[in-house]
Protein backbone atom coordinates (compact mmCIF):
# COMPACT_ATOMS: atom_id res chain seq x y z
CA MET A 1 5.57 25.71 -16.08
CA ALA A 2 8.31 26.40 -13.58
CA ARG A 3 10.82 29.07 -14.47
CA HIS A 4 13.32 29.24 -11.63
CA LYS A 5 16.00 26.64 -11.40
CA SER A 6 14.85 25.48 -7.98
CA SER A 7 11.20 25.23 -9.00
CA VAL A 8 12.15 23.21 -12.11
CA LYS A 9 14.04 20.82 -9.86
CA ARG A 10 11.11 20.54 -7.44
CA ALA A 11 8.75 19.84 -10.34
CA LYS A 12 11.01 16.98 -11.51
CA GLN A 13 11.28 15.60 -7.98
CA THR A 14 7.51 15.71 -7.61
CA LEU A 15 7.04 13.68 -10.79
CA VAL A 16 9.50 11.03 -9.61
CA LYS A 17 7.97 10.84 -6.14
CA THR A 18 4.44 10.65 -7.55
CA GLU A 19 5.41 7.74 -9.79
CA ARG A 20 7.06 5.87 -6.89
CA ASN A 21 4.01 6.38 -4.71
CA LYS A 22 1.71 5.11 -7.47
CA VAL A 23 3.69 1.88 -7.69
CA LYS A 24 3.65 1.38 -3.92
CA LYS A 25 -0.08 2.08 -3.67
CA SER A 26 -0.79 -0.27 -6.56
CA LEU A 27 1.19 -3.11 -4.97
CA THR A 28 -0.60 -2.69 -1.65
CA ARG A 29 -4.03 -2.52 -3.31
CA ASN A 30 -3.32 -5.67 -5.32
CA ILE A 31 -2.22 -7.74 -2.31
CA VAL A 32 -5.23 -6.58 -0.27
CA LYS A 33 -7.53 -7.52 -3.16
CA LYS A 34 -5.90 -10.96 -3.35
CA ILE A 35 -6.44 -11.54 0.36
CA ARG A 36 -10.07 -10.42 0.20
CA ALA A 37 -10.63 -12.66 -2.83
CA GLU A 38 -9.16 -15.64 -0.98
CA ILE A 39 -11.37 -14.93 2.04
CA SER A 40 -14.52 -14.75 -0.06
CA ALA A 41 -13.51 -17.93 -1.90
CA GLY A 42 -13.21 -19.67 1.46
CA SER A 43 -9.46 -20.26 1.27
CA ILE A 44 -8.56 -18.90 4.71
CA ASP A 45 -5.20 -20.70 4.87
CA LYS A 46 -4.01 -19.07 1.66
CA ALA A 47 -5.20 -15.67 2.94
CA LYS A 48 -3.29 -16.20 6.20
CA GLU A 49 -0.13 -16.92 4.20
CA LEU A 50 -0.54 -13.66 2.27
CA LEU A 51 -1.23 -11.51 5.35
CA PRO A 52 2.44 -11.04 6.43
CA THR A 53 3.31 -9.92 2.90
CA ALA A 54 0.48 -7.41 2.97
CA GLN A 55 1.55 -6.13 6.39
CA SER A 56 5.09 -5.65 5.13
CA LEU A 57 4.05 -3.81 1.96
CA LEU A 58 1.63 -1.57 3.87
CA ALA A 59 4.27 -0.74 6.48
CA LYS A 60 6.80 0.15 3.78
CA ALA A 61 4.28 2.31 1.96
CA ALA A 62 3.42 4.09 5.21
CA LYS A 63 7.08 4.57 6.09
CA SER A 64 7.73 6.31 2.78
CA SER A 65 4.53 8.41 3.10
CA ALA A 66 2.88 6.84 0.06
CA ILE A 67 -0.08 6.22 2.36
CA SER A 68 -0.70 7.43 5.89
CA LYS A 69 0.41 5.30 8.84
CA VAL A 70 -3.13 5.32 10.22
CA THR A 71 -4.56 4.06 6.92
CA ALA A 72 -2.01 1.24 6.74
CA SER A 73 -2.75 0.26 10.31
CA ARG A 74 -6.50 0.30 9.70
CA ILE A 75 -6.23 -1.91 6.60
CA VAL A 76 -4.03 -4.46 8.38
CA SER A 77 -6.34 -4.48 11.37
CA ARG A 78 -9.43 -5.07 9.27
CA LEU A 79 -7.78 -7.85 7.27
CA ALA A 80 -6.62 -9.60 10.45
CA LYS A 81 -10.07 -9.20 11.99
CA THR A 82 -11.78 -10.82 9.01
CA LEU A 83 -9.32 -13.73 9.09
CA VAL A 84 -10.12 -14.42 12.74
CA LYS A 85 -13.87 -14.65 12.09
């Protein structure tokens, strides 16, 4: 366990940041799963409606460093590519 005042503070900040990142990652994973489920069910229109929401959530997660910008871009690209097919 941290002993110095500054390391105690950093440990607390890390816990808070980790929790925030978990929530953001979870939201992005859930919306991507919903889109993929809609695509496999054949409901392309519904998936197209959800895509802007997914793009927004992924961009916000990447902006706050919950996920990398490249990863967010790759996920959006692959979702858009599957919707075009």
